[in-house]
């Protein structure tokens, strides 16, 4: 986990929105995430976050679950996540990403 890679991953409003959704500590199924982008684009955003060390994924059969690596981020960059989330909420960045019911026929992206 490097600072340039982390900042690059968090520079996109959709990825920042995903982090906002995951910041409650809950594990989310890939199909629960709602963003006004194509499924392939959402999959790309999740991959960027995972490769930067921001999230971790767990696969269970054909389903994929995502969590924020908050403890790891806090250990490496103390105070960054709360400051980032506070600024994102204040500026409305990432508010377009929400959580909905997971589609039963959702395939891992």
Protein backbone atom coordinates (compact mmCIF):
# COMPACT_ATOMS: atom_id res chain seq x y z
CA UNK A 1 0.00 0.00 0.00
CA UNK A 2 1.71 3.16 -1.22
CA UNK A 3 0.53 6.74 -0.92
CA UNK A 4 0.56 7.49 -4.68
CA UNK A 5 -1.45 4.34 -5.45
CA UNK A 6 -3.89 5.04 -2.62
CA UNK A 7 -4.42 8.65 -3.67
CA UNK A 8 -4.85 7.59 -7.30
CA UNK A 9 -7.48 5.04 -6.32
CA UNK A 10 -9.36 7.58 -4.22
CA UNK A 11 -9.23 10.33 -6.83
CA UNK A 12 -12.34 9.09 -8.64
CA UNK A 13 -15.78 10.14 -7.31
CA UNK A 14 -17.29 6.68 -7.87
CA UNK A 15 -14.46 4.95 -6.02
CA UNK A 16 -14.76 7.49 -3.22
CA UNK A 17 -18.49 6.73 -3.14
CA UNK A 18 -17.74 3.02 -2.78
CA UNK A 19 -15.46 3.83 0.16
CA UNK A 20 -18.24 5.96 1.70
CA UNK A 21 -20.68 3.04 1.42
CA UNK A 22 -18.19 0.57 2.89
CA UNK A 23 -17.11 2.92 5.69
CA UNK A 24 -19.85 1.60 7.99
CA UNK A 25 -17.77 -1.57 8.35
CA UNK A 26 -20.32 -3.88 6.77
CA UNK A 27 -19.33 -6.44 4.18
CA UNK A 28 -21.26 -5.77 0.99
CA UNK A 29 -22.08 -8.09 -1.85
CA UNK A 30 -20.92 -6.80 -5.23
CA UNK A 31 -24.52 -6.83 -6.41
CA UNK A 32 -25.63 -4.54 -3.56
CA UNK A 33 -23.57 -1.61 -4.81
CA UNK A 34 -25.53 0.86 -6.91
CA UNK A 35 -23.78 3.43 -9.06
CA UNK A 36 -24.80 5.11 -12.33
CA UNK A 37 -22.14 3.23 -14.29
CA UNK A 38 -22.05 0.01 -16.30
CA UNK A 39 -21.43 -3.20 -14.36
CA UNK A 40 -18.08 -3.57 -16.12
CA UNK A 41 -17.10 -0.06 -15.01
CA UNK A 42 -18.14 -0.78 -11.42
CA UNK A 43 -16.07 -3.96 -11.57
CA UNK A 44 -13.08 -1.92 -12.75
CA UNK A 45 -13.51 0.56 -9.87
CA UNK A 46 -13.63 -2.32 -7.37
CA UNK A 47 -10.47 -3.78 -8.90
CA UNK A 48 -8.62 -0.46 -8.60
CA UNK A 49 -9.60 -0.16 -4.94
CA UNK A 50 -8.60 -3.76 -4.22
CA UNK A 51 -5.22 -3.44 -5.97
CA UNK A 52 -4.48 -0.21 -4.09
CA UNK A 53 -5.15 -1.99 -0.78
CA UNK A 54 -8.24 0.04 0.05
CA UNK A 55 -10.64 -2.91 0.00
CA UNK A 56 -10.50 -6.64 0.25
CA UNK A 57 -12.76 -9.10 -1.47
CA UNK A 58 -13.99 -12.51 -0.48
CA UNK A 59 -15.49 -14.88 -2.96
CA UNK A 60 -18.20 -17.34 -1.97
CA UNK A 61 -19.31 -19.46 -4.88
CA UNK A 62 -20.35 -17.05 -7.62
CA UNK A 63 -20.79 -14.16 -5.19
CA UNK A 64 -18.14 -11.61 -4.31
CA UNK A 65 -18.13 -9.62 -1.07
CA UNK A 66 -16.24 -6.39 -0.46
CA UNK A 67 -15.03 -4.74 2.75
CA UNK A 68 -13.05 -1.61 3.50
CA UNK A 69 -9.60 -2.33 4.95
CA UNK A 70 -10.11 0.44 7.50
CA UNK A 71 -7.72 -0.95 10.15
CA UNK A 72 -4.91 -1.41 7.62
CA UNK A 73 -5.48 2.06 6.19
CA UNK A 74 -5.51 3.61 9.67
CA UNK A 75 -2.31 1.80 10.64
CA UNK A 76 -0.50 2.95 7.49
CA UNK A 77 -2.05 6.43 7.16
CA UNK A 78 -3.40 7.51 10.59
CA UNK A 79 -6.40 9.82 10.39
CA UNK A 80 -6.66 9.70 6.60
CA UNK A 81 -9.92 7.74 6.32
CA UNK A 82 -11.94 9.90 8.76
CA UNK A 83 -10.61 13.10 7.17
CA UNK A 84 -11.30 11.81 3.68
CA UNK A 85 -14.83 10.70 4.54
CA UNK A 86 -15.61 13.97 6.29
CA UNK A 87 -14.48 16.00 3.29
CA UNK A 88 -16.33 13.73 0.85
CA UNK A 89 -19.58 14.04 2.79
CA UNK A 90 -19.20 17.82 3.16
CA UNK A 91 -18.58 18.21 -0.58
CA UNK A 92 -21.14 15.61 -1.65
CA UNK A 93 -18.49 13.58 -3.47
CA UNK A 94 -19.51 9.97 -4.04
CA UNK A 95 -23.12 10.44 -2.90
CA UNK A 96 -24.26 8.84 -6.17
CA UNK A 97 -23.09 5.42 -4.93
CA UNK A 98 -25.65 3.67 -2.75
CA UNK A 99 -26.61 0.22 -1.51
CA UNK A 100 -29.61 -1.78 -2.70
CA UNK A 101 -30.91 -5.33 -2.58
CA UNK A 102 -28.55 -7.81 -4.12
CA UNK A 103 -29.76 -9.30 -7.39
CA UNK A 104 -30.22 -13.04 -7.10
CA UNK A 105 -28.83 -13.61 -10.59
CA UNK A 106 -25.80 -11.33 -10.14
CA UNK A 107 -22.59 -12.85 -11.45
CA UNK A 108 -19.20 -11.87 -10.09
CA UNK A 109 -17.80 -9.03 -12.17
